[in-house]
Amino acid sequence: MAGISSDLGNAQAKATALKNATEKLEQTHTVTTDTKTTISGNTNAQEVIQQAKNATTQISEAILTASDSIHSVAKEFEAMDQKASQELFQPKYSVGDFAW
């Protein structure tokens, strides 16, 4: 008889891949900004660099949250699939050699 099954291992692998990609995104790359010169646009460049750093942090946090959610939902589906499989595919009644 067919069963119900989820693929917790595959979901965990995808969540791990997301976390690994995020680690690369989070790697600190030092950008030296020039705070001594008054070249036109220097202040704007410094602001844009800071905005990029902030955006990277926000993206990383969102990806990590999504990764954790994938893992959590996969575990819940696994548990629900196990329960549903047991309930749906187990005989409810039996008489002699017959079960239904």
N, C-alpha and C. Protein backbone atom coordinates (compact mmCIF):
# COMPACT_ATOMS: atom_id res chain seq x y z
N MET A 1 0.85 -1.17 0.00
CA MET A 1 0.00 0.00 0.00
C MET A 1 0.89 1.23 0.00
N ALA A 2 0.46 2.27 -0.69
CA ALA A 2 1.24 3.51 -0.77
C ALA A 2 1.26 4.21 0.58
N GLY A 3 2.31 4.97 0.80
CA GLY A 3 2.43 5.71 2.05
C GLY A 3 2.60 7.19 1.79
N ILE A 4 2.54 7.93 2.84
CA ILE A 4 2.78 9.37 2.76
C ILE A 4 4.17 9.62 3.30
N SER A 5 4.94 10.38 2.58
CA SER A 5 6.28 10.67 3.09
C SER A 5 6.73 12.06 2.66
N SER A 6 7.41 12.70 3.56
CA SER A 6 8.03 13.98 3.23
C SER A 6 9.53 13.73 3.14
N ASP A 7 10.26 14.70 2.66
CA ASP A 7 11.69 14.54 2.50
C ASP A 7 12.41 15.54 3.40
N LEU A 8 12.47 15.21 4.68
CA LEU A 8 13.09 16.08 5.66
C LEU A 8 14.56 16.31 5.33
N GLY A 9 15.25 15.28 4.88
CA GLY A 9 16.67 15.41 4.54
C GLY A 9 16.90 16.42 3.43
N ASN A 10 16.05 16.39 2.41
CA ASN A 10 16.17 17.32 1.29
C ASN A 10 15.91 18.75 1.77
N ALA A 11 14.89 18.94 2.59
CA ALA A 11 14.58 20.27 3.11
C ALA A 11 15.72 20.79 3.97
N GLN A 12 16.30 19.91 4.78
CA GLN A 12 17.43 20.33 5.61
C GLN A 12 18.63 20.70 4.74
N ALA A 13 18.84 19.96 3.67
CA ALA A 13 19.95 20.27 2.76
C ALA A 13 19.76 21.64 2.12
N LYS A 14 18.53 21.95 1.73
CA LYS A 14 18.25 23.26 1.13
C LYS A 14 18.45 24.37 2.16
N ALA A 15 17.98 24.16 3.38
CA ALA A 15 18.15 25.16 4.43
C ALA A 15 19.63 25.38 4.73
N THR A 16 20.40 24.31 4.75
CA THR A 16 21.84 24.42 4.99
C THR A 16 22.52 25.17 3.85
N ALA A 17 22.10 24.90 2.63
CA ALA A 17 22.68 25.60 1.48
C ALA A 17 22.42 27.10 1.57
N LEU A 18 21.22 27.46 2.02
CA LEU A 18 20.91 28.88 2.20
C LEU A 18 21.81 29.51 3.26
N LYS A 19 21.99 28.79 4.36
CA LYS A 19 22.84 29.32 5.43
C LYS A 19 24.28 29.47 4.95
N ASN A 20 24.77 28.50 4.20
CA ASN A 20 26.14 28.59 3.68
C ASN A 20 26.30 29.76 2.71
N ALA A 21 25.30 29.99 1.89
CA ALA A 21 25.36 31.14 0.97
C ALA A 21 25.35 32.44 1.75
N THR A 22 24.61 32.46 2.83
CA THR A 22 24.53 33.66 3.66
C THR A 22 25.87 33.94 4.33
N GLU A 23 26.56 32.91 4.72
CA GLU A 23 27.88 33.11 5.34
C GLU A 23 28.81 33.85 4.38
N LYS A 24 28.75 33.49 3.11
CA LYS A 24 29.58 34.18 2.12
C LYS A 24 29.16 35.64 1.99
N LEU A 25 27.87 35.87 2.06
CA LEU A 25 27.35 37.23 1.96
C LEU A 25 27.77 38.06 3.17
N GLU A 26 27.81 37.41 4.32
CA GLU A 26 28.13 38.11 5.56
C GLU A 26 29.62 38.36 5.77
N GLN A 27 30.46 37.69 4.99
CA GLN A 27 31.89 37.86 5.18
C GLN A 27 32.24 39.34 5.13
N THR A 28 32.96 39.75 6.12
CA THR A 28 33.32 41.16 6.21
C THR A 28 34.39 41.50 5.19
N HIS A 29 34.07 42.46 4.40
CA HIS A 29 35.02 42.99 3.44
C HIS A 29 35.28 44.43 3.87
N THR A 30 36.49 44.70 4.22
CA THR A 30 36.83 46.03 4.70
C THR A 30 36.91 47.00 3.53
N VAL A 31 36.15 48.04 3.66
CA VAL A 31 36.19 49.10 2.66
C VAL A 31 36.70 50.33 3.38
N THR A 32 37.79 50.84 2.89
CA THR A 32 38.37 52.03 3.48
C THR A 32 37.75 53.25 2.81
N THR A 33 37.17 54.08 3.63
CA THR A 33 36.58 55.31 3.08
C THR A 33 37.50 56.48 3.39
N ASP A 34 37.51 57.40 2.50
CA ASP A 34 38.35 58.59 2.64
C ASP A 34 37.55 59.65 3.40
N THR A 35 37.98 59.92 4.61
CA THR A 35 37.28 60.92 5.42
C THR A 35 38.04 62.23 5.51
N LYS A 36 39.18 62.31 4.86
CA LYS A 36 40.01 63.50 4.99
C LYS A 36 39.89 64.47 3.82
N THR A 37 39.57 63.95 2.65
CA THR A 37 39.50 64.84 1.50
C THR A 37 38.11 65.43 1.35
N THR A 38 38.03 66.47 0.62
CA THR A 38 36.74 67.12 0.38
C THR A 38 36.33 67.04 -1.08
N ILE A 39 36.77 65.99 -1.72
CA ILE A 39 36.42 65.78 -3.13
C ILE A 39 34.90 65.68 -3.25
N SER A 40 34.38 66.30 -4.26
CA SER A 40 32.94 66.29 -4.49
C SER A 40 32.44 64.84 -4.58
N GLY A 41 31.42 64.54 -3.85
CA GLY A 41 30.85 63.20 -3.88
C GLY A 41 31.40 62.27 -2.83
N ASN A 42 32.44 62.67 -2.11
CA ASN A 42 33.06 61.80 -1.12
C ASN A 42 32.08 61.45 0.00
N THR A 43 31.37 62.44 0.48
CA THR A 43 30.39 62.20 1.54
C THR A 43 29.30 61.26 1.05
N ASN A 44 28.83 61.49 -0.17
CA ASN A 44 27.80 60.61 -0.74
C ASN A 44 28.32 59.18 -0.88
N ALA A 45 29.54 59.03 -1.29
CA ALA A 45 30.13 57.69 -1.44
C ALA A 45 30.17 56.98 -0.10
N GLN A 46 30.54 57.69 0.95
CA GLN A 46 30.59 57.09 2.28
C GLN A 46 29.19 56.65 2.73
N GLU A 47 28.20 57.47 2.45
CA GLU A 47 26.81 57.12 2.81
C GLU A 47 26.34 55.89 2.03
N VAL A 48 26.66 55.83 0.76
CA VAL A 48 26.25 54.69 -0.07
C VAL A 48 26.93 53.41 0.41
N ILE A 49 28.19 53.50 0.78
CA ILE A 49 28.91 52.33 1.30
C ILE A 49 28.24 51.83 2.58
N GLN A 50 27.88 52.74 3.47
CA GLN A 50 27.21 52.34 4.71
C GLN A 50 25.83 51.74 4.42
N GLN A 51 25.11 52.32 3.48
CA GLN A 51 23.80 51.78 3.10
C GLN A 51 23.94 50.37 2.53
N ALA A 52 24.97 50.14 1.76
CA ALA A 52 25.21 48.81 1.20
C ALA A 52 25.50 47.80 2.30
N LYS A 53 26.29 48.23 3.28
CA LYS A 53 26.58 47.33 4.41
C LYS A 53 25.30 47.01 5.17
N ASN A 54 24.47 48.03 5.41
CA ASN A 54 23.21 47.82 6.13
C ASN A 54 22.28 46.90 5.35
N ALA A 55 22.21 47.10 4.04
CA ALA A 55 21.36 46.26 3.20
C ALA A 55 21.83 44.81 3.23
N THR A 56 23.14 44.61 3.20
CA THR A 56 23.70 43.26 3.25
C THR A 56 23.32 42.57 4.55
N THR A 57 23.39 43.31 5.64
CA THR A 57 23.01 42.75 6.95
C THR A 57 21.53 42.37 6.96
N GLN A 58 20.69 43.23 6.44
CA GLN A 58 19.25 42.94 6.41
C GLN A 58 18.94 41.74 5.53
N ILE A 59 19.59 41.66 4.39
CA ILE A 59 19.38 40.51 3.49
C ILE A 59 19.84 39.23 4.17
N SER A 60 20.98 39.26 4.81
CA SER A 60 21.50 38.08 5.50
C SER A 60 20.54 37.61 6.59
N GLU A 61 20.03 38.55 7.36
CA GLU A 61 19.09 38.20 8.42
C GLU A 61 17.82 37.59 7.85
N ALA A 62 17.33 38.15 6.75
CA ALA A 62 16.12 37.61 6.13
C ALA A 62 16.35 36.19 5.60
N ILE A 63 17.51 35.96 5.00
CA ILE A 63 17.83 34.62 4.48
C ILE A 63 17.95 33.62 5.62
N LEU A 64 18.60 34.01 6.70
CA LEU A 64 18.73 33.10 7.84
C LEU A 64 17.36 32.78 8.45
N THR A 65 16.50 33.78 8.52
CA THR A 65 15.14 33.54 9.02
C THR A 65 14.40 32.57 8.11
N ALA A 66 14.51 32.77 6.80
CA ALA A 66 13.87 31.87 5.84
C ALA A 66 14.42 30.46 5.97
N SER A 67 15.71 30.34 6.15
CA SER A 67 16.35 29.03 6.29
C SER A 67 15.83 28.32 7.54
N ASP A 68 15.75 29.04 8.63
CA ASP A 68 15.22 28.45 9.87
C ASP A 68 13.76 28.04 9.69
N SER A 69 13.00 28.85 8.98
CA SER A 69 11.60 28.53 8.74
C SER A 69 11.45 27.28 7.89
N ILE A 70 12.28 27.15 6.87
CA ILE A 70 12.25 25.95 6.02
C ILE A 70 12.50 24.71 6.87
N HIS A 71 13.50 24.79 7.71
CA HIS A 71 13.84 23.66 8.57
C HIS A 71 12.69 23.33 9.52
N SER A 72 12.12 24.34 10.13
CA SER A 72 11.03 24.14 11.08
C SER A 72 9.79 23.55 10.40
N VAL A 73 9.42 24.11 9.27
CA VAL A 73 8.25 23.62 8.55
C VAL A 73 8.47 22.19 8.06
N ALA A 74 9.67 21.90 7.62
CA ALA A 74 9.97 20.53 7.17
C ALA A 74 9.79 19.53 8.30
N LYS A 75 10.23 19.90 9.50
CA LYS A 75 10.05 19.01 10.65
C LYS A 75 8.57 18.81 10.95
N GLU A 76 7.80 19.89 10.87
CA GLU A 76 6.36 19.78 11.13
C GLU A 76 5.68 18.90 10.08
N PHE A 77 6.05 19.06 8.81
CA PHE A 77 5.49 18.22 7.77
C PHE A 77 5.86 16.76 7.98
N GLU A 78 7.08 16.52 8.39
CA GLU A 78 7.52 15.15 8.65
C GLU A 78 6.64 14.51 9.73
N ALA A 79 6.43 15.26 10.80
CA ALA A 79 5.60 14.73 11.89
C ALA A 79 4.15 14.52 11.44
N MET A 80 3.62 15.46 10.69
CA MET A 80 2.25 15.32 10.20
C MET A 80 2.13 14.16 9.22
N ASP A 81 3.13 14.00 8.36
CA ASP A 81 3.12 12.90 7.41
C ASP A 81 3.16 11.55 8.11
N GLN A 82 3.97 11.46 9.13
CA GLN A 82 4.05 10.21 9.90
C GLN A 82 2.69 9.89 10.53
N LYS A 83 2.10 10.88 11.14
CA LYS A 83 0.80 10.67 11.79
C LYS A 83 -0.27 10.32 10.77
N ALA A 84 -0.32 11.06 9.67
CA ALA A 84 -1.31 10.80 8.64
C ALA A 84 -1.12 9.41 8.04
N SER A 85 0.10 9.03 7.82
CA SER A 85 0.38 7.71 7.25
C SER A 85 -0.11 6.60 8.18
N GLN A 86 0.13 6.78 9.45
CA GLN A 86 -0.31 5.78 10.42
C GLN A 86 -1.83 5.71 10.48
N GLU A 87 -2.47 6.86 10.44
CA GLU A 87 -3.93 6.88 10.55
C GLU A 87 -4.63 6.43 9.27
N LEU A 88 -4.09 6.81 8.12
CA LEU A 88 -4.76 6.51 6.86
C LEU A 88 -4.56 5.09 6.38
N PHE A 89 -3.42 4.52 6.67
CA PHE A 89 -3.08 3.23 6.08
C PHE A 89 -3.09 2.07 7.07
N GLN A 90 -3.66 2.30 8.22
CA GLN A 90 -3.81 1.22 9.19
C GLN A 90 -5.26 0.74 9.16
N PRO A 91 -5.47 -0.54 9.20
CA PRO A 91 -6.85 -1.04 9.22
C PRO A 91 -7.59 -0.54 10.46
N LYS A 92 -8.83 -0.13 10.23
CA LYS A 92 -9.65 0.36 11.35
C LYS A 92 -10.41 -0.79 12.01
N TYR A 93 -10.84 -1.74 11.18
CA TYR A 93 -11.62 -2.85 11.70
C TYR A 93 -11.09 -4.16 11.14
N SER A 94 -11.26 -5.20 11.89
CA SER A 94 -10.86 -6.51 11.36
C SER A 94 -11.80 -7.58 11.90
N VAL A 95 -12.07 -8.53 11.04
CA VAL A 95 -12.87 -9.69 11.40
C VAL A 95 -12.18 -10.89 10.78
N GLY A 96 -11.64 -11.75 11.61
CA GLY A 96 -10.92 -12.90 11.09
C GLY A 96 -9.72 -12.43 10.30
N ASP A 97 -9.64 -12.88 9.03
CA ASP A 97 -8.53 -12.51 8.17
C ASP A 97 -8.79 -11.22 7.39
N PHE A 98 -9.91 -10.62 7.55
CA PHE A 98 -10.27 -9.42 6.78
C PHE A 98 -10.06 -8.16 7.63
N ALA A 99 -9.52 -7.16 6.98
CA ALA A 99 -9.34 -5.89 7.66
C ALA A 99 -9.77 -4.77 6.73
N TRP A 100 -10.38 -3.77 7.27
CA TRP A 100 -10.78 -2.59 6.47
C TRP A 100 -10.73 -1.36 7.31
